[in-house]
Amino acid sequence: MVTLAKWEDIPLFESEIEEAAFWEENRLDLRLMDLAVAKSSETTDSVTITLRMDPRMLSRVKRIARSRYLNYQSMIKQWLSERLENELKQ
């Protein structure tokens, strides 16, 4: 079994069968996994803010979030993130 020490060593797969065959012969180095977990936890830090919003607007946001089975705060963050990406592309 080959132990992969770099993410770049993992190819793009054409099918699930090809991917399954690859993982039968290969595995990830545990240190690589530990690094991935450590880095992802660093990026999940968040700051609490206060945002004043028209109650009717908030009700509409909550209604949309409910219809999509999402938490309304998560949906707002997603919208802000998408808008930020669009603004940075311009």
PDB file of N, CA and C in Angstrom:
ATOM      1  N   MET A   1       0.855  -1.172   0.000  1.00  0.00           N
ATOM      2  CA  MET A   1       0.000   0.000   0.000  1.00  0.00           C
ATOM      3  C   MET A   1       0.903   1.238   0.000  1.00  0.00           C
ATOM      4  N   VAL A   2       0.559   2.209  -0.825  1.00  0.00           N
ATOM      5  CA  VAL A   2       1.324   3.448  -0.943  1.00  0.00           C
ATOM      6  C   VAL A   2       0.706   4.495  -0.020  1.00  0.00           C
ATOM      7  N   THR A   3       1.543   5.170   0.761  1.00  0.00           N
ATOM      8  CA  THR A   3       1.078   6.236   1.649  1.00  0.00           C
ATOM      9  C   THR A   3       1.350   7.576   0.979  1.00  0.00           C
ATOM     10  N   LEU A   4       0.302   8.359   0.802  1.00  0.00           N
ATOM     11  CA  LEU A   4       0.415   9.650   0.128  1.00  0.00           C
ATOM     12  C   LEU A   4       0.698  10.745   1.148  1.00  0.00           C
ATOM     13  N   ALA A   5       1.749  11.527   0.888  1.00  0.00           N
ATOM     14  CA  ALA A   5       2.150  12.572   1.827  1.00  0.00           C
ATOM     15  C   ALA A   5       1.773  13.967   1.339  1.00  0.00           C
ATOM     16  N   LYS A   6       1.279  14.065   0.092  1.00  0.00           N
ATOM     17  CA  LYS A   6       0.904  15.372  -0.463  1.00  0.00           C
ATOM     18  C   LYS A   6      -0.461  15.266  -1.130  1.00  0.00           C
ATOM     19  N   TRP A   7      -1.269  16.298  -0.990  1.00  0.00           N
ATOM     20  CA  TRP A   7      -2.582  16.310  -1.626  1.00  0.00           C
ATOM     21  C   TRP A   7      -2.448  16.243  -3.139  1.00  0.00           C
ATOM     22  N   GLU A   8      -1.348  16.800  -3.682  1.00  0.00           N
ATOM     23  CA  GLU A   8      -1.142  16.829  -5.124  1.00  0.00           C
ATOM     24  C   GLU A   8      -0.976  15.428  -5.718  1.00  0.00           C
ATOM     25  N   ASP A   9      -0.680  14.450  -4.872  1.00  0.00           N
ATOM     26  CA  ASP A   9      -0.497  13.074  -5.347  1.00  0.00           C
ATOM     27  C   ASP A   9      -1.825  12.373  -5.646  1.00  0.00           C
ATOM     28  N   ILE A  10      -2.928  13.011  -5.289  1.00  0.00           N
ATOM     29  CA  ILE A  10      -4.244  12.415  -5.535  1.00  0.00           C
ATOM     30  C   ILE A  10      -4.732  12.909  -6.895  1.00  0.00           C
ATOM     31  N   PRO A  11      -4.954  11.992  -7.840  1.00  0.00           N
ATOM     32  CA  PRO A  11      -5.379  12.416  -9.178  1.00  0.00           C
ATOM     33  C   PRO A  11      -6.863  12.769  -9.234  1.00  0.00           C
ATOM     34  N   LEU A  12      -7.257  13.376 -10.329  1.00  0.00           N
ATOM     35  CA  LEU A  12      -8.679  13.575 -10.607  1.00  0.00           C
ATOM     36  C   LEU A  12      -9.200  12.287 -11.221  1.00  0.00           C
ATOM     37  N   PHE A  13     -10.353  11.839 -10.781  1.00  0.00           N
ATOM     38  CA  PHE A  13     -10.882  10.554 -11.212  1.00  0.00           C
ATOM     39  C   PHE A  13     -11.972  10.746 -12.255  1.00  0.00           C
ATOM     40  N   GLU A  14     -11.995   9.830 -13.204  1.00  0.00           N
ATOM     41  CA  GLU A  14     -13.019   9.852 -14.255  1.00  0.00           C
ATOM     42  C   GLU A  14     -14.322   9.194 -13.787  1.00  0.00           C
ATOM     43  N   SER A  15     -14.195   8.279 -12.807  1.00  0.00           N
ATOM     44  CA  SER A  15     -15.386   7.560 -12.336  1.00  0.00           C
ATOM     45  C   SER A  15     -15.177   7.118 -10.894  1.00  0.00           C
ATOM     46  N   GLU A  16     -16.271   6.710 -10.275  1.00  0.00           N
ATOM     47  CA  GLU A  16     -16.187   6.189  -8.910  1.00  0.00           C
ATOM     48  C   GLU A  16     -15.424   4.865  -8.877  1.00  0.00           C
ATOM     49  N   ILE A  17     -15.523   4.099  -9.936  1.00  0.00           N
ATOM     50  CA  ILE A  17     -14.807   2.815 -10.004  1.00  0.00           C
ATOM     51  C   ILE A  17     -13.302   3.067 -10.009  1.00  0.00           C
ATOM     52  N   GLU A  18     -12.875   4.050 -10.802  1.00  0.00           N
ATOM     53  CA  GLU A  18     -11.454   4.407 -10.848  1.00  0.00           C
ATOM     54  C   GLU A  18     -10.975   4.907  -9.484  1.00  0.00           C
ATOM     55  N   GLU A  19     -11.812   5.718  -8.823  1.00  0.00           N
ATOM     56  CA  GLU A  19     -11.452   6.233  -7.502  1.00  0.00           C
ATOM     57  C   GLU A  19     -11.352   5.099  -6.480  1.00  0.00           C
ATOM     58  N   ALA A  20     -12.304   4.182  -6.510  1.00  0.00           N
ATOM     59  CA  ALA A  20     -12.283   3.051  -5.572  1.00  0.00           C
ATOM     60  C   ALA A  20     -11.027   2.211  -5.774  1.00  0.00           C
ATOM     61  N   ALA A  21     -10.647   1.975  -7.029  1.00  0.00           N
ATOM     62  CA  ALA A  21      -9.441   1.193  -7.321  1.00  0.00           C
ATOM     63  C   ALA A  21      -8.200   1.905  -6.787  1.00  0.00           C
ATOM     64  N   PHE A  22      -8.173   3.228  -6.937  1.00  0.00           N
ATOM     65  CA  PHE A  22      -7.037   4.014  -6.447  1.00  0.00           C
ATOM     66  C   PHE A  22      -6.898   3.876  -4.939  1.00  0.00           C
ATOM     67  N   TRP A  23      -8.023   4.012  -4.216  1.00  0.00           N
ATOM     68  CA  TRP A  23      -7.962   3.976  -2.751  1.00  0.00           C
ATOM     69  C   TRP A  23      -7.735   2.568  -2.201  1.00  0.00           C
ATOM     70  N   GLU A  24      -7.929   1.552  -3.021  1.00  0.00           N
ATOM     71  CA  GLU A  24      -7.579   0.195  -2.588  1.00  0.00           C
ATOM     72  C   GLU A  24      -6.064   0.032  -2.497  1.00  0.00           C
ATOM     73  N   GLU A  25      -5.337   0.798  -3.311  1.00  0.00           N
ATOM     74  CA  GLU A  25      -3.882   0.703  -3.374  1.00  0.00           C
ATOM     75  C   GLU A  25      -3.164   1.816  -2.615  1.00  0.00           C
ATOM     76  N   ASN A  26      -3.879   2.857  -2.216  1.00  0.00           N
ATOM     77  CA  ASN A  26      -3.263   4.034  -1.606  1.00  0.00           C
ATOM     78  C   ASN A  26      -3.993   4.437  -0.339  1.00  0.00           C
ATOM     79  N   ARG A  27      -3.284   5.170   0.494  1.00  0.00           N
ATOM     80  CA  ARG A  27      -3.902   5.736   1.694  1.00  0.00           C
ATOM     81  C   ARG A  27      -3.205   7.058   2.000  1.00  0.00           C
ATOM     82  N   LEU A  28      -3.880   7.889   2.800  1.00  0.00           N
ATOM     83  CA  LEU A  28      -3.311   9.181   3.184  1.00  0.00           C
ATOM     84  C   LEU A  28      -2.434   9.034   4.412  1.00  0.00           C
ATOM     85  N   ASP A  29      -1.355   9.773   4.420  1.00  0.00           N
ATOM     86  CA  ASP A  29      -0.493   9.871   5.601  1.00  0.00           C
ATOM     87  C   ASP A  29      -1.311  10.559   6.696  1.00  0.00           C
ATOM     88  N   LEU A  30      -1.305  10.027   7.902  1.00  0.00           N
ATOM     89  CA  LEU A  30      -2.090  10.595   8.995  1.00  0.00           C
ATOM     90  C   LEU A  30      -1.675  12.029   9.316  1.00  0.00           C
ATOM     91  N   ARG A  31      -0.395  12.354   9.116  1.00  0.00           N
ATOM     92  CA  ARG A  31       0.061  13.728   9.360  1.00  0.00           C
ATOM     93  C   ARG A  31      -0.615  14.701   8.401  1.00  0.00           C
ATOM     94  N   LEU A  32      -0.870  14.243   7.177  1.00  0.00           N
ATOM     95  CA  LEU A  32      -1.561  15.083   6.197  1.00  0.00           C
ATOM     96  C   LEU A  32      -2.987  15.354   6.666  1.00  0.00           C
ATOM     97  N   MET A  33      -3.628  14.339   7.182  1.00  0.00           N
ATOM     98  CA  MET A  33      -4.989  14.503   7.700  1.00  0.00           C
ATOM     99  C   MET A  33      -4.999  15.438   8.905  1.00  0.00           C
ATOM    100  N   ASP A  34      -4.015  15.279   9.810  1.00  0.00           N
ATOM    101  CA  ASP A  34      -3.928  16.146  10.986  1.00  0.00           C
ATOM    102  C   ASP A  34      -3.754  17.603  10.572  1.00  0.00           C
ATOM    103  N   LEU A  35      -2.921  17.855   9.563  1.00  0.00           N
ATOM    104  CA  LEU A  35      -2.725  19.218   9.072  1.00  0.00           C
ATOM    105  C   LEU A  35      -4.014  19.795   8.509  1.00  0.00           C
ATOM    106  N   ALA A  36      -4.752  18.965   7.780  1.00  0.00           N
ATOM    107  CA  ALA A  36      -6.003  19.429   7.185  1.00  0.00           C
ATOM    108  C   ALA A  36      -7.001  19.820   8.273  1.00  0.00           C
ATOM    109  N   VAL A  37      -7.093  19.020   9.321  1.00  0.00           N
ATOM    110  CA  VAL A  37      -8.013  19.318  10.417  1.00  0.00           C
ATOM    111  C   VAL A  37      -7.569  20.575  11.156  1.00  0.00           C
ATOM    112  N   ALA A  38      -6.266  20.702  11.402  1.00  0.00           N
ATOM    113  CA  ALA A  38      -5.751  21.873  12.112  1.00  0.00           C
ATOM    114  C   ALA A  38      -5.990  23.149  11.315  1.00  0.00           C
ATOM    115  N   LYS A  39      -5.745  23.114  10.014  1.00  0.00           N
ATOM    116  CA  LYS A  39      -5.940  24.299   9.189  1.00  0.00           C
ATOM    117  C   LYS A  39      -7.413  24.659   9.073  1.00  0.00           C
ATOM    118  N   SER A  40      -8.286  23.666   8.943  1.00  0.00           N
ATOM    119  CA  SER A  40      -9.701  23.974   8.801  1.00  0.00           C
ATOM    120  C   SER A  40     -10.260  24.569  10.088  1.00  0.00           C
ATOM    121  N   SER A  41      -9.751  24.145  11.245  1.00  0.00           N
ATOM    122  CA  SER A  41     -10.250  24.711  12.498  1.00  0.00           C
ATOM    123  C   SER A  41      -9.768  26.152  12.673  1.00  0.00           C
ATOM    124  N   GLU A  42      -8.598  26.473  12.107  1.00  0.00           N
ATOM    125  CA  GLU A  42      -8.116  27.850  12.188  1.00  0.00           C
ATOM    126  C   GLU A  42      -8.990  28.794  11.372  1.00  0.00           C
ATOM    127  N   THR A  43      -9.503  28.308  10.262  1.00  0.00           N
ATOM    128  CA  THR A  43     -10.289  29.161   9.376  1.00  0.00           C
ATOM    129  C   THR A  43     -11.747  29.272   9.815  1.00  0.00           C
ATOM    130  N   THR A  44     -12.162  28.518  10.817  1.00  0.00           N
ATOM    131  CA  THR A  44     -13.552  28.573  11.227  1.00  0.00           C
ATOM    132  C   THR A  44     -13.787  29.568  12.364  1.00  0.00           C
ATOM    133  N   ASP A  45     -12.744  30.304  12.741  1.00  0.00           N
ATOM    134  CA  ASP A  45     -12.951  31.339  13.751  1.00  0.00           C
ATOM    135  C   ASP A  45     -13.949  32.352  13.218  1.00  0.00           C
ATOM    136  N   SER A  46     -14.806  32.819  14.072  1.00  0.00           N
ATOM    137  CA  SER A  46     -15.776  33.821  13.643  1.00  0.00           C
ATOM    138  C   SER A  46     -15.896  34.898  14.705  1.00  0.00           C
ATOM    139  N   VAL A  47     -16.421  36.018  14.275  1.00  0.00           N
ATOM    140  CA  VAL A  47     -16.604  37.167  15.140  1.00  0.00           C
ATOM    141  C   VAL A  47     -18.099  37.441  15.235  1.00  0.00           C
ATOM    142  N   THR A  48     -18.563  37.699  16.406  1.00  0.00           N
ATOM    143  CA  THR A  48     -19.964  38.033  16.603  1.00  0.00           C
ATOM    144  C   THR A  48     -20.169  39.517  16.330  1.00  0.00           C
ATOM    145  N   ILE A  49     -21.193  39.819  15.517  1.00  0.00           N
ATOM    146  CA  ILE A  49     -21.517  41.218  15.227  1.00  0.00           C
ATOM    147  C   ILE A  49     -22.986  41.453  15.531  1.00  0.00           C
ATOM    148  N   THR A  50     -23.356  42.707  15.617  1.00  0.00           N
ATOM    149  CA  THR A  50     -24.753  43.085  15.754  1.00  0.00           C
ATOM    150  C   THR A  50     -25.160  43.796  14.487  1.00  0.00           C
ATOM    151  N   LEU A  51     -26.272  43.383  13.925  1.00  0.00           N
ATOM    152  CA  LEU A  51     -26.759  43.962  12.679  1.00  0.00           C
ATOM    153  C   LEU A  51     -28.220  44.330  12.876  1.00  0.00           C
ATOM    154  N   ARG A  52     -28.523  45.590  12.728  1.00  0.00           N
ATOM    155  CA  ARG A  52     -29.918  46.019  12.849  1.00  0.00           C
ATOM    156  C   ARG A  52     -30.606  45.834  11.510  1.00  0.00           C
ATOM    157  N   MET A  53     -31.811  45.251  11.569  1.00  0.00           N
ATOM    158  CA  MET A  53     -32.510  44.907  10.336  1.00  0.00           C
ATOM    159  C   MET A  53     -33.999  45.139  10.506  1.00  0.00           C
ATOM    160  N   ASP A  54     -34.624  45.567   9.467  1.00  0.00           N
ATOM    161  CA  ASP A  54     -36.077  45.737   9.464  1.00  0.00           C
ATOM    162  C   ASP A  54     -36.709  44.380   9.795  1.00  0.00           C
ATOM    163  N   PRO A  55     -37.628  44.331  10.767  1.00  0.00           N
ATOM    164  CA  PRO A  55     -38.223  43.046  11.165  1.00  0.00           C
ATOM    165  C   PRO A  55     -38.914  42.315  10.018  1.00  0.00           C
ATOM    166  N   ARG A  56     -39.507  43.072   9.107  1.00  0.00           N
ATOM    167  CA  ARG A  56     -40.170  42.417   7.963  1.00  0.00           C
ATOM    168  C   ARG A  56     -39.152  41.758   7.050  1.00  0.00           C
ATOM    169  N   MET A  57     -38.001  42.427   6.869  1.00  0.00           N
ATOM    170  CA  MET A  57     -36.947  41.847   6.044  1.00  0.00           C
ATOM    171  C   MET A  57     -36.426  40.564   6.698  1.00  0.00           C
ATOM    172  N   LEU A  58     -36.218  40.613   7.996  1.00  0.00           N
ATOM    173  CA  LEU A  58     -35.731  39.427   8.708  1.00  0.00           C
ATOM    174  C   LEU A  58     -36.743  38.287   8.600  1.00  0.00           C
ATOM    175  N   SER A  59     -38.016  38.597   8.694  1.00  0.00           N
ATOM    176  CA  SER A  59     -39.052  37.561   8.542  1.00  0.00           C
ATOM    177  C   SER A  59     -38.981  36.916   7.170  1.00  0.00           C
ATOM    178  N   ARG A  60     -38.776  37.721   6.147  1.00  0.00           N
ATOM    179  CA  ARG A  60     -38.676  37.177   4.789  1.00  0.00           C
ATOM    180  C   ARG A  60     -37.431  36.310   4.642  1.00  0.00           C
ATOM    181  N   VAL A  61     -36.325  36.765   5.221  1.00  0.00           N
ATOM    182  CA  VAL A  61     -35.090  35.970   5.170  1.00  0.00           C
ATOM    183  C   VAL A  61     -35.311  34.631   5.868  1.00  0.00           C
ATOM    184  N   LYS A  62     -35.918  34.661   7.048  1.00  0.00           N
ATOM    185  CA  LYS A  62     -36.171  33.426   7.790  1.00  0.00           C
ATOM    186  C   LYS A  62     -37.092  32.494   7.014  1.00  0.00           C
ATOM    187  N   ARG A  63     -38.090  33.063   6.342  1.00  0.00           N
ATOM    188  CA  ARG A  63     -39.010  32.244   5.561  1.00  0.00           C
ATOM    189  C   ARG A  63     -38.284  31.548   4.405  1.00  0.00           C
ATOM    190  N   ILE A  64     -37.426  32.292   3.720  1.00  0.00           N
ATOM    191  CA  ILE A  64     -36.647  31.710   2.616  1.00  0.00           C
ATOM    192  C   ILE A  64     -35.727  30.618   3.157  1.00  0.00           C
ATOM    193  N   ALA A  65     -35.055  30.896   4.267  1.00  0.00           N
ATOM    194  CA  ALA A  65     -34.135  29.916   4.858  1.00  0.00           C
ATOM    195  C   ALA A  65     -34.883  28.642   5.243  1.00  0.00           C
ATOM    196  N   ARG A  66     -36.047  28.800   5.850  1.00  0.00           N
ATOM    197  CA  ARG A  66     -36.849  27.631   6.238  1.00  0.00           C
ATOM    198  C   ARG A  66     -37.232  26.799   5.020  1.00  0.00           C
ATOM    199  N   SER A  67     -37.601  27.478   3.927  1.00  0.00           N
ATOM    200  CA  SER A  67     -38.004  26.746   2.722  1.00  0.00           C
ATOM    201  C   SER A  67     -36.836  25.969   2.118  1.00  0.00           C
ATOM    202  N   ARG A  68     -35.606  26.399   2.441  1.00  0.00           N
ATOM    203  CA  ARG A  68     -34.403  25.714   1.934  1.00  0.00           C
ATOM    204  C   ARG A  68     -33.775  24.806   3.000  1.00  0.00           C
ATOM    205  N   TYR A  69     -34.469  24.665   4.131  1.00  0.00           N
ATOM    206  CA  TYR A  69     -33.985  23.843   5.248  1.00  0.00           C
ATOM    207  C   TYR A  69     -32.616  24.312   5.736  1.00  0.00           C
ATOM    208  N   LEU A  70     -32.440  25.624   5.824  1.00  0.00           N
ATOM    209  CA  LEU A  70     -31.195  26.223   6.285  1.00  0.00           C
ATOM    210  C   LEU A  70     -31.431  27.044   7.530  1.00  0.00           C
ATOM    211  N   ASN A  71     -30.391  27.254   8.298  1.00  0.00           N
ATOM    212  CA  ASN A  71     -30.404  28.205   9.393  1.00  0.00           C
ATOM    213  C   ASN A  71     -30.317  29.591   8.751  1.00  0.00           C
ATOM    214  N   TYR A  72     -31.138  30.543   9.174  1.00  0.00           N
ATOM    215  CA  TYR A  72     -31.163  31.834   8.495  1.00  0.00           C
ATOM    216  C   TYR A  72     -29.841  32.575   8.617  1.00  0.00           C
ATOM    217  N   GLN A  73     -29.128  32.412   9.734  1.00  0.00           N
ATOM    218  CA  GLN A  73     -27.838  33.083   9.886  1.00  0.00           C
ATOM    219  C   GLN A  73     -26.810  32.502   8.925  1.00  0.00           C
ATOM    220  N   SER A  74     -26.833  31.196   8.753  1.00  0.00           N
ATOM    221  CA  SER A  74     -25.922  30.560   7.803  1.00  0.00           C
ATOM    222  C   SER A  74     -26.231  31.014   6.384  1.00  0.00           C
ATOM    223  N   MET A  75     -27.501  31.145   6.068  1.00  0.00           N
ATOM    224  CA  MET A  75     -27.882  31.587   4.735  1.00  0.00           C
ATOM    225  C   MET A  75     -27.418  33.022   4.484  1.00  0.00           C
ATOM    226  N   ILE A  76     -27.555  33.886   5.475  1.00  0.00           N
ATOM    227  CA  ILE A  76     -27.095  35.267   5.337  1.00  0.00           C
ATOM    228  C   ILE A  76     -25.585  35.288   5.108  1.00  0.00           C
ATOM    229  N   LYS A  77     -24.852  34.465   5.865  1.00  0.00           N
ATOM    230  CA  LYS A  77     -23.396  34.398   5.668  1.00  0.00           C
ATOM    231  C   LYS A  77     -23.056  33.905   4.268  1.00  0.00           C
ATOM    232  N   GLN A  78     -23.810  32.938   3.795  1.00  0.00           N
ATOM    233  CA  GLN A  78     -23.578  32.416   2.446  1.00  0.00           C
ATOM    234  C   GLN A  78     -23.835  33.512   1.413  1.00  0.00           C
ATOM    235  N   TRP A  79     -24.930  34.245   1.564  1.00  0.00           N
ATOM    236  CA  TRP A  79     -25.236  35.343   0.637  1.00  0.00           C
ATOM    237  C   TRP A  79     -24.137  36.399   0.656  1.00  0.00           C
ATOM    238  N   LEU A  80     -23.681  36.760   1.853  1.00  0.00           N
ATOM    239  CA  LEU A  80     -22.614  37.762   1.950  1.00  0.00           C
ATOM    240  C   LEU A  80     -21.328  37.269   1.291  1.00  0.00           C
ATOM    241  N   SER A  81     -21.023  36.015   1.497  1.00  0.00           N
ATOM    242  CA  SER A  81     -19.825  35.439   0.907  1.00  0.00           C
ATOM    243  C   SER A  81     -19.909  35.458  -0.623  1.00  0.00           C
ATOM    244  N   GLU A  82     -21.063  35.061  -1.164  1.00  0.00           N
ATOM    245  CA  GLU A  82     -21.249  35.058  -2.615  1.00  0.00           C
ATOM    246  C   GLU A  82     -21.143  36.473  -3.181  1.00  0.00           C
ATOM    247  N   ARG A  83     -21.758  37.423  -2.504  1.00  0.00           N
ATOM    248  CA  ARG A  83     -21.712  38.817  -2.977  1.00  0.00           C
ATOM    249  C   ARG A  83     -20.295  39.367  -2.911  1.00  0.00           C
ATOM    250  N   LEU A  84     -19.578  39.038  -1.856  1.00  0.00           N
ATOM    251  CA  LEU A  84     -18.194  39.480  -1.714  1.00  0.00           C
ATOM    252  C   LEU A  84     -17.337  38.940  -2.854  1.00  0.00           C
ATOM    253  N   GLU A  85     -17.515  37.673  -3.186  1.00  0.00           N
ATOM    254  CA  GLU A  85     -16.767  37.087  -4.307  1.00  0.00           C
ATOM    255  C   GLU A  85     -17.085  37.813  -5.610  1.00  0.00           C
ATOM    256  N   ASN A  86     -18.366  38.110  -5.830  1.00  0.00           N
ATOM    257  CA  ASN A  86     -18.755  38.833  -7.042  1.00  0.00           C
ATOM    258  C   ASN A  86     -18.144  40.220  -7.092  1.00  0.00           C
ATOM    259  N   GLU A  87     -18.143  40.903  -5.963  1.00  0.00           N
ATOM    260  CA  GLU A  87     -17.568  42.244  -5.906  1.00  0.00           C
ATOM    261  C   GLU A  87     -16.062  42.224  -6.160  1.00  0.00           C
ATOM    262  N   LEU A  88     -15.387  41.215  -5.632  1.00  0.00           N
ATOM    263  CA  LEU A  88     -13.937  41.131  -5.811  1.00  0.00           C
ATOM    264  C   LEU A  88     -13.555  40.774  -7.243  1.00  0.00           C
ATOM    265  N   LYS A  89     -14.454  40.084  -7.964  1.00  0.00           N
ATOM    266  CA  LYS A  89     -14.171  39.733  -9.356  1.00  0.00           C
ATOM    267  C   LYS A  89     -14.243  40.951 -10.272  1.00  0.00           C
ATOM    268  N   GLN A  90     -15.017  41.959  -9.874  1.00  0.00           N
ATOM    269  CA  GLN A  90     -15.205  43.149 -10.721  1.00  0.00           C
ATOM    270  C   GLN A  90     -14.044  44.101 -10.638  1.00  0.00           C
TER     271      GLN A  90
END
